[in-house]
């Protein structure tokens, strides 16, 4: 093993070592990167890996009612210091988004134990289920169910691209969907939650710093647009006789870029399009697409989506089609605990403070418990893609600083 000065003890596996252990799990041979989604074979393998890794460290592991994994350093209890992240990915995602926070947590616990540290408060690692929404389209599924911000009946009715409901997928994985819902007992144990994550952007590159403390997450949401027209034969239907929903869908996709570019700070994306029935020689009868929109002010996000929706309706009407717009998720501004942020910034020697446009489980927990985030430098600035990266030395540094934070909070 090659060690940086931040992680000199060769008897303690580094976070880089642990990342290597799961390097092949969920590798996507078609898209590149990784496709790791809840209640799939890759998810089961990752859960088994984490459970074995945690138990090998003497941690007590259990799964809560919403399929989130917990590993406790000692007995579970109230006012706990919790760290961790998620192991799932977007389709074709990178190796670091989510897993970095989990392996750093395990390695930080190793460092604390090697230092002979005995916590004065309960300590735990959590692995949240389906943070990315890669299978069922709902981000932060596990943390939303835990906090009760997502009603279980709505969650269980979600369907993947094959039509399988979350309820059926849970049953197939051996989980009882009747147990899904707000978990006041588990939520009540969390005193403070600190999530380490690879930076999704180049803020730290520009600052020439390896680590930052998060300040806030800007408002963001997902909307589903369903364009409907008339399916027909591609070779026999004259152009003037068509009601093709692909046309207003395409016009909307191009218009999203123009509408967002006109609003300072806006980010809007159409990353998923499903034509039905999807045949090469068939005029589609329906086209579903999903809009991801983000802006610093909640009202501004909704105003932007309203503008996009109005233009989509006009384009659909021109083609003799219709469009339905449904909000699938929305999060307002998530401000992390100010006192905790300032404490961590001072503890980490004046680390820079950065906002982000990316959503996280920490943001879902923020209204309920004190939360904070640490970002590890990403030299590519790329995330949700195979080129996502963090230097081994920066990962070691982030792990060591996470251990310092846990020691200070739980000491």
Protein backbone atom coordinates (compact mmCIF):
# COMPACT_ATOMS: atom_id res chain seq x y z
CA UNK A 1 0.00 0.00 0.00
CA UNK A 2 1.12 3.54 -0.78
CA UNK A 3 0.46 5.91 2.09
CA UNK A 4 0.25 9.66 2.20
CA UNK A 5 1.42 11.55 5.31
CA UNK A 6 -2.27 11.93 6.19
CA UNK A 7 -2.70 8.15 6.44
CA UNK A 8 0.66 6.64 7.44
CA UNK A 9 -0.54 3.56 9.35
CA UNK A 10 -0.31 0.56 7.00
CA UNK A 11 -2.16 -1.62 9.52
CA UNK A 12 -5.32 0.45 8.94
CA UNK A 13 -7.01 0.12 5.51
CA UNK A 14 -7.31 3.49 3.84
CA UNK A 15 -10.43 4.75 2.12
CA UNK A 16 -8.61 4.20 -1.17
CA UNK A 17 -8.11 0.53 -0.25
CA UNK A 18 -11.79 0.18 0.55
CA UNK A 19 -12.84 1.82 -2.73
CA UNK A 20 -10.72 -0.76 -4.55
CA UNK A 21 -12.70 -3.56 -2.89
CA UNK A 22 -15.93 -2.47 -4.62
CA UNK A 23 -14.37 -1.27 -7.87
CA UNK A 24 -16.09 -3.94 -9.99
CA UNK A 25 -19.49 -3.96 -8.31
CA UNK A 26 -22.18 -2.60 -10.59
CA UNK A 27 -19.77 -1.71 -13.39
CA UNK A 28 -21.85 -0.71 -16.42
CA UNK A 29 -20.36 -2.26 -19.54
CA UNK A 30 -22.75 -0.35 -21.82
CA UNK A 31 -22.73 3.19 -20.43
CA UNK A 32 -19.37 3.10 -18.71
CA UNK A 33 -19.03 3.94 -15.03
CA UNK A 34 -21.44 2.32 -12.59
CA UNK A 35 -25.15 1.59 -12.39
CA UNK A 36 -25.95 0.72 -8.78
CA UNK A 37 -29.63 0.96 -7.92
CA UNK A 38 -31.76 -0.01 -4.95
CA UNK A 39 -32.95 -3.63 -4.71
CA UNK A 40 -30.80 -4.85 -7.61
CA UNK A 41 -28.01 -7.43 -7.59
CA UNK A 42 -25.39 -4.67 -7.36
CA UNK A 43 -27.21 -3.12 -4.41
CA UNK A 44 -27.34 -6.48 -2.61
CA UNK A 45 -23.62 -7.05 -3.18
CA UNK A 46 -22.74 -3.59 -1.88
CA UNK A 47 -24.92 -4.10 1.19
CA UNK A 48 -23.22 -7.42 1.90
CA UNK A 49 -19.81 -5.80 1.46
CA UNK A 50 -20.62 -2.95 3.86
CA UNK A 51 -22.14 -5.27 6.43
CA UNK A 52 -19.08 -7.53 6.37
CA UNK A 53 -16.69 -4.56 6.51
CA UNK A 54 -18.53 -3.00 9.45
CA UNK A 55 -18.80 -6.25 11.40
CA UNK A 56 -15.12 -6.95 10.83
CA UNK A 57 -14.54 -3.69 12.74
CA UNK A 58 -16.76 -4.82 15.60
CA UNK A 59 -19.64 -2.55 14.63
CA UNK A 60 -23.25 -3.55 15.24
CA UNK A 61 -25.09 -3.51 11.88
CA UNK A 62 -28.81 -3.40 11.24
CA UNK A 63 -31.23 -2.30 8.54
CA UNK A 64 -33.97 0.16 9.47
CA UNK A 65 -37.57 -0.01 8.31
CA UNK A 66 -36.76 1.99 5.14
CA UNK A 67 -33.81 -0.15 3.98
CA UNK A 68 -31.12 2.25 5.26
CA UNK A 69 -28.08 0.46 6.74
CA UNK A 70 -26.68 1.48 10.15
CA UNK A 71 -23.38 0.46 11.76
CA UNK A 72 -22.92 1.46 15.42
CA UNK A 73 -19.68 1.99 17.30
CA UNK A 74 -21.00 0.67 20.62
CA UNK A 75 -24.66 0.62 21.62
CA UNK A 76 -27.16 2.74 19.66
CA UNK A 77 -28.37 5.69 21.63
CA UNK A 78 -29.74 9.24 21.52
CA UNK A 79 -27.75 12.33 20.51
CA UNK A 80 -25.51 10.22 18.29
CA UNK A 81 -22.84 11.53 15.96
CA UNK A 82 -23.60 10.00 12.57
CA UNK A 83 -21.60 10.04 9.36
CA UNK A 84 -21.88 8.20 6.05
CA UNK A 85 -23.50 8.69 2.66
CA UNK A 86 -24.85 6.27 0.02
CA UNK A 87 -23.59 3.48 -2.24
CA UNK A 88 -26.04 3.77 -5.14
CA UNK A 89 -25.35 5.73 -8.33
CA UNK A 90 -27.02 7.42 -11.26
CA UNK A 91 -27.07 5.30 -14.44
CA UNK A 92 -23.47 5.22 -15.66
CA UNK A 93 -22.22 7.27 -12.71
CA UNK A 94 -18.78 7.71 -11.21
CA UNK A 95 -16.97 5.72 -8.55
CA UNK A 96 -16.89 8.42 -5.86
CA UNK A 97 -20.34 10.03 -5.56
CA UNK A 98 -21.70 8.34 -2.47
CA UNK A 99 -19.17 5.56 -1.89
CA UNK A 100 -16.43 8.04 -0.94
CA UNK A 101 -18.45 9.13 2.10
CA UNK A 102 -19.02 5.52 3.16
CA UNK A 103 -15.44 4.26 2.79
CA UNK A 104 -14.08 7.44 4.43
CA UNK A 105 -16.39 6.82 7.38
CA UNK A 106 -15.14 3.24 7.80
CA UNK A 107 -11.53 4.37 7.49
CA UNK A 108 -12.08 7.26 9.91
CA UNK A 109 -13.43 4.80 12.47
CA UNK A 110 -10.28 2.72 11.94
CA UNK A 111 -8.13 5.78 12.60
CA UNK A 112 -10.06 6.63 15.77
CA UNK A 113 -9.72 3.10 17.07
CA UNK A 114 -6.00 3.05 16.25
CA UNK A 115 -5.67 6.26 18.26
CA UNK A 116 -7.34 4.58 21.23
CA UNK A 117 -10.31 6.93 21.06
CA UNK A 118 -13.36 6.10 23.18
CA UNK A 119 -16.41 8.15 22.19
CA UNK A 120 -18.38 9.98 24.84
CA UNK A 121 -21.46 9.91 22.60
CA UNK A 122 -22.84 7.17 20.36
CA UNK A 123 -21.17 6.99 16.94
CA UNK A 124 -22.67 5.49 13.78
CA UNK A 125 -22.24 5.14 10.03
CA UNK A 126 -25.34 5.21 7.83
CA UNK A 127 -25.73 4.07 4.23
CA UNK A 128 -28.87 5.66 2.83
CA UNK A 129 -30.94 3.78 0.25
CA UNK A 130 -31.40 5.14 -3.29
CA UNK A 131 -30.02 8.66 -2.82
CA UNK A 132 -29.72 9.25 -6.56
CA UNK A 133 -33.18 8.05 -7.55
CA UNK A 134 -31.55 6.07 -10.34
CA UNK A 135 -34.16 3.31 -10.38
CA UNK A 136 -37.43 4.86 -9.21
CA UNK A 137 -36.81 8.51 -10.05
CA UNK A 138 -37.13 9.80 -6.48
CA UNK A 139 -33.90 11.24 -5.03
CA UNK A 140 -32.99 10.67 -1.39
CA UNK A 141 -35.61 7.95 -1.10
CA UNK A 142 -34.27 6.41 2.12
CA UNK A 143 -33.79 9.68 3.99
CA UNK A 144 -37.13 11.09 2.80
CA UNK A 145 -38.94 8.01 4.09
CA UNK A 146 -36.98 8.10 7.37
CA UNK A 147 -37.96 11.73 8.03
CA UNK A 148 -41.52 11.35 6.81
CA UNK A 149 -41.12 14.00 4.11
CA UNK A 150 -42.18 11.39 1.53
CA UNK A 151 -45.46 9.56 2.28
CA UNK A 152 -44.90 5.78 2.10
CA UNK A 153 -47.96 5.22 -0.09
CA UNK A 154 -46.49 7.55 -2.72
CA UNK A 155 -43.07 5.93 -2.48
CA UNK A 156 -44.36 2.37 -2.74
CA UNK A 157 -46.31 3.23 -5.90
CA UNK A 158 -43.21 4.51 -7.73
CA UNK A 159 -42.31 2.43 -10.80
CA UNK A 160 -39.02 1.77 -12.56
CA UNK A 161 -38.64 1.68 -16.33
CA UNK A 162 -39.77 -1.97 -16.38
CA UNK A 163 -42.99 -1.11 -14.53
CA UNK A 164 -41.92 -2.73 -11.25
CA UNK A 165 -43.19 -0.84 -8.22
CA UNK A 166 -40.98 -0.03 -5.27
CA UNK A 167 -43.28 -2.20 -3.16
CA UNK A 168 -42.73 -5.23 -5.40
CA UNK A 169 -38.98 -4.61 -5.63
CA UNK A 170 -38.78 -4.38 -1.84
CA UNK A 171 -40.64 -7.68 -1.43
CA UNK A 172 -38.34 -9.37 -3.95
CA UNK A 173 -35.37 -8.16 -1.90
CA UNK A 174 -36.86 -9.54 1.31
CA UNK A 175 -38.11 -6.21 2.70
CA UNK A 176 -41.64 -5.72 3.99
CA UNK A 177 -43.08 -2.59 2.32
CA UNK A 178 -45.62 -2.31 5.14
CA UNK A 179 -42.76 -1.12 7.35
CA UNK A 180 -41.81 1.81 5.10
CA UNK A 181 -42.53 5.28 6.51
CA UNK A 182 -41.39 7.82 9.07
CA UNK A 183 -39.05 6.23 11.61
CA UNK A 184 -39.21 8.50 14.64
CA UNK A 185 -37.15 6.14 16.79
CA UNK A 186 -34.19 6.05 14.39
CA UNK A 187 -34.43 9.74 13.52
CA UNK A 188 -34.54 10.59 17.21
CA UNK A 189 -31.16 8.96 17.77
CA UNK A 190 -29.35 11.37 15.44
CA UNK A 191 -27.85 14.34 17.23
CA UNK A 192 -25.51 15.47 14.45
CA UNK A 193 -24.98 14.23 10.90
CA UNK A 194 -21.78 14.93 8.94
CA UNK A 195 -21.60 13.74 5.33
CA UNK A 196 -18.33 13.65 3.40
CA UNK A 197 -18.72 13.82 -0.37
CA UNK A 198 -16.65 14.30 -3.49
CA UNK A 199 -17.08 17.87 -4.74
CA UNK A 200 -19.40 18.17 -7.72
CA UNK A 201 -17.72 21.09 -9.44
CA UNK A 202 -14.33 22.83 -9.48
CA UNK A 203 -14.63 25.24 -6.57
CA UNK A 204 -11.77 23.63 -4.64
CA UNK A 205 -9.59 23.47 -7.75
CA UNK A 206 -9.92 27.23 -8.16
CA UNK A 207 -9.22 27.74 -4.44
CA UNK A 208 -6.27 25.31 -4.50
CA UNK A 209 -7.65 23.60 -1.40
CA UNK A 210 -8.20 19.86 -0.76
CA UNK A 211 -11.29 20.14 1.46
CA UNK A 212 -14.25 22.46 2.02
CA UNK A 213 -17.16 22.77 4.43
CA UNK A 214 -20.63 23.02 2.89
CA UNK A 215 -22.80 26.09 3.48
CA UNK A 216 -26.07 25.32 1.70
CA UNK A 217 -27.78 23.51 -1.17
CA UNK A 218 -29.76 25.59 -3.63
CA UNK A 219 -33.44 24.78 -4.36
CA UNK A 220 -33.96 22.04 -6.91
CA UNK A 221 -36.65 19.74 -8.24
CA UNK A 222 -37.72 17.26 -10.91
CA UNK A 223 -40.73 17.54 -13.18
CA UNK A 224 -42.16 14.95 -15.58
CA UNK A 225 -43.60 16.13 -18.92
CA UNK A 226 -45.84 13.69 -20.77
CA UNK A 227 -46.55 14.65 -24.39
CA UNK A 228 -49.37 12.68 -26.07
CA UNK A 229 -50.29 12.53 -29.75
CA UNK A 230 -51.29 9.88 -32.27
CA UNK A 231 -49.15 6.81 -32.85
CA UNK A 232 -49.00 5.73 -36.48
CA UNK A 233 -46.97 4.14 -39.28
CA UNK A 234 -43.82 6.06 -40.17
CA UNK A 235 -44.00 5.07 -43.84
CA UNK A 236 -47.68 5.60 -44.63
CA UNK A 237 -48.63 8.69 -42.60
CA UNK A 238 -48.21 11.92 -44.58
CA UNK A 239 -46.41 14.74 -42.78
CA UNK A 240 -49.52 16.95 -42.76
CA UNK A 241 -51.57 14.16 -41.16
CA UNK A 242 -49.33 13.68 -38.16
CA UNK A 243 -49.76 14.52 -34.49
CA UNK A 244 -46.25 13.57 -33.41
CA UNK A 245 -45.45 14.23 -29.72
CA UNK A 246 -41.74 13.94 -30.47
CA UNK A 247 -41.78 17.38 -32.10
CA UNK A 248 -42.99 19.45 -29.11
CA UNK A 249 -40.79 17.30 -26.85
CA UNK A 250 -37.76 18.15 -28.98
CA UNK A 251 -38.71 21.82 -29.06
CA UNK A 252 -39.01 21.81 -25.29
CA UNK A 253 -35.58 20.22 -24.86
CA UNK A 254 -33.96 22.94 -26.97
CA UNK A 255 -36.02 25.62 -25.23
CA UNK A 256 -34.94 24.51 -21.75
CA UNK A 257 -31.37 25.49 -22.54
CA UNK A 258 -32.44 28.92 -23.83
CA UNK A 259 -34.77 29.62 -20.91
CA UNK A 260 -32.20 28.66 -18.28
CA UNK A 261 -29.38 30.58 -20.00
CA UNK A 262 -31.46 33.76 -19.70
CA UNK A 263 -31.67 33.49 -15.89
CA UNK A 264 -28.42 34.14 -13.91
CA UNK A 265 -27.47 31.12 -11.82
CA UNK A 266 -30.10 28.82 -13.31
CA UNK A 267 -29.38 25.19 -14.17
CA UNK A 268 -31.98 23.22 -16.12
CA UNK A 269 -31.52 19.82 -17.76
CA UNK A 270 -33.46 17.20 -19.66
CA UNK A 271 -31.45 14.03 -19.16
CA UNK A 272 -34.05 11.34 -19.71
CA UNK A 273 -36.48 10.87 -22.62
CA UNK A 274 -38.73 7.84 -23.21
CA UNK A 275 -40.74 7.57 -26.43
CA UNK A 276 -43.64 5.11 -26.50
CA UNK A 277 -43.71 2.61 -28.12
CA UNK A 278 -40.13 3.40 -29.15
CA UNK A 279 -39.98 1.73 -32.57
CA UNK A 280 -37.74 3.09 -35.34
CA UNK A 281 -40.54 2.97 -37.93
CA UNK A 282 -43.29 4.12 -35.57
CA UNK A 283 -44.57 7.62 -34.88
CA UNK A 284 -44.66 7.83 -31.10
CA UNK A 285 -47.99 8.04 -29.33
CA UNK A 286 -46.40 9.42 -26.17
CA UNK A 287 -43.10 10.93 -25.10
CA UNK A 288 -42.11 11.23 -21.44
CA UNK A 289 -39.23 13.45 -20.44
CA UNK A 290 -37.90 14.68 -17.12
CA UNK A 291 -36.79 18.22 -16.30
CA UNK A 292 -34.25 18.90 -13.54
CA UNK A 293 -34.24 22.58 -12.55
CA UNK A 294 -32.17 24.43 -9.94
CA UNK A 295 -31.89 28.08 -8.90
CA UNK A 296 -30.78 29.98 -5.78
CA UNK A 297 -34.35 31.08 -4.92
CA UNK A 298 -37.32 28.67 -4.60
CA UNK A 299 -39.73 31.06 -6.31
CA UNK A 300 -37.31 31.53 -9.17
CA UNK A 301 -37.16 27.77 -9.78
CA UNK A 302 -40.93 27.55 -10.00
CA UNK A 303 -41.08 30.64 -12.22
CA UNK A 304 -38.55 29.05 -14.58
CA UNK A 305 -40.50 25.77 -14.69
CA UNK A 306 -43.74 27.68 -15.29
CA UNK A 307 -42.16 29.46 -18.26
CA UNK A 308 -40.85 26.18 -19.69
CA UNK A 309 -44.25 24.54 -19.16
CA UNK A 310 -46.09 27.35 -20.94
CA UNK A 311 -43.80 27.05 -23.97
CA UNK A 312 -44.19 23.26 -23.94
CA UNK A 313 -47.99 23.58 -24.01
CA UNK A 314 -47.82 26.04 -26.91
CA UNK A 315 -45.55 23.68 -28.88
CA UNK A 316 -47.84 20.72 -28.15
CA UNK A 317 -50.94 22.61 -29.25
CA UNK A 318 -49.28 23.63 -32.51
CA UNK A 319 -48.68 19.94 -33.31
CA UNK A 320 -52.18 18.88 -32.25
CA UNK A 321 -50.82 17.19 -29.14
CA UNK A 322 -51.30 17.60 -25.39
CA UNK A 323 -48.87 17.76 -22.50
CA UNK A 324 -49.23 16.99 -18.79
CA UNK A 325 -46.75 18.35 -16.24
CA UNK A 326 -46.23 16.67 -12.86
CA UNK A 327 -43.89 17.70 -10.08
CA UNK A 328 -42.08 14.59 -8.84
CA UNK A 329 -39.85 16.16 -6.19
CA UNK A 330 -38.84 19.56 -4.88
CA UNK A 331 -36.47 20.79 -2.19
CA UNK A 332 -36.17 24.40 -1.09
CA UNK A 333 -32.95 25.96 0.15
CA UNK A 334 -31.15 23.61 2.54
CA UNK A 335 -28.97 25.63 4.89
CA UNK A 336 -26.67 23.54 7.04
CA UNK A 337 -26.42 24.29 10.75
CA UNK A 338 -24.56 27.60 11.03
CA UNK A 339 -22.97 26.96 14.42
CA UNK A 340 -21.83 23.49 13.35
CA UNK A 341 -20.48 24.86 10.06
CA UNK A 342 -18.47 27.52 11.86
CA UNK A 343 -17.16 25.01 14.38
CA UNK A 344 -15.97 22.66 11.64
CA UNK A 345 -14.43 25.49 9.65
CA UNK A 346 -12.37 26.54 12.66
CA UNK A 347 -11.51 22.94 13.56
CA UNK A 348 -10.22 22.34 10.04
CA UNK A 349 -7.94 25.36 10.06
CA UNK A 350 -10.15 27.82 8.23
CA UNK A 351 -11.28 25.47 5.45
CA UNK A 352 -13.19 27.27 2.69
CA UNK A 353 -16.97 27.28 2.79
CA UNK A 354 -18.82 26.40 -0.42
CA UNK A 355 -22.47 26.15 -1.52
CA UNK A 356 -23.57 23.51 -4.01
CA UNK A 357 -26.30 22.84 -6.52
CA UNK A 358 -26.24 19.10 -5.82
CA UNK A 359 -28.78 17.48 -3.52
CA UNK A 360 -27.77 15.18 -0.65
CA UNK A 361 -29.30 13.18 2.19
CA UNK A 362 -27.78 15.75 4.55
CA UNK A 363 -30.16 18.33 3.07
CA UNK A 364 -33.17 16.12 3.78
CA UNK A 365 -32.05 15.70 7.40
CA UNK A 366 -31.21 19.41 7.87
CA UNK A 367 -34.69 20.52 9.08
CA UNK A 368 -34.65 17.79 11.74
CA UNK A 369 -31.07 17.55 13.07
CA UNK A 370 -27.82 19.53 12.94
CA UNK A 371 -26.12 18.63 9.66
CA UNK A 372 -22.87 19.50 7.92
CA UNK A 373 -21.03 18.49 4.77
CA UNK A 374 -17.38 18.13 3.84
CA UNK A 375 -16.34 18.23 0.18
CA UNK A 376 -13.18 16.56 -1.14
CA UNK A 377 -11.53 18.18 -4.16
CA UNK A 378 -12.46 16.82 -7.58
CA UNK A 379 -9.73 17.80 -10.11
CA UNK A 380 -11.95 17.04 -13.11
CA UNK A 381 -14.95 18.94 -11.76
CA UNK A 382 -17.04 16.18 -13.36
CA UNK A 383 -19.66 14.21 -11.45
CA UNK A 384 -22.46 11.77 -12.39
CA UNK A 385 -20.12 10.49 -15.11
CA UNK A 386 -17.23 8.00 -15.33
CA UNK A 387 -14.64 10.85 -15.29
CA UNK A 388 -15.53 11.76 -11.70
CA UNK A 389 -12.33 11.62 -9.61
CA UNK A 390 -10.49 12.45 -6.41
CA UNK A 391 -6.75 12.15 -5.84
CA UNK A 392 -5.72 9.40 -3.38
CA UNK A 393 -3.87 11.96 -1.27
CA UNK A 394 -6.94 14.20 -1.06
CA UNK A 395 -9.05 11.19 -0.07
CA UNK A 396 -6.60 10.37 2.73
CA UNK A 397 -6.67 14.01 3.82
CA UNK A 398 -10.47 14.06 3.83
CA UNK A 399 -10.58 10.84 5.84
CA UNK A 400 -8.15 12.17 8.43
CA UNK A 401 -10.14 15.40 8.74
CA UNK A 402 -13.39 13.47 9.06
CA UNK A 403 -11.82 11.49 11.90
CA UNK A 404 -10.77 14.78 13.51
CA UNK A 405 -14.35 16.06 13.24
CA UNK A 406 -15.86 12.89 14.71
CA UNK A 407 -13.36 12.94 17.55
CA UNK A 408 -14.22 16.54 18.39
CA UNK A 409 -17.98 16.01 18.19
CA UNK A 410 -18.13 12.69 20.02
CA UNK A 411 -15.34 13.26 22.53
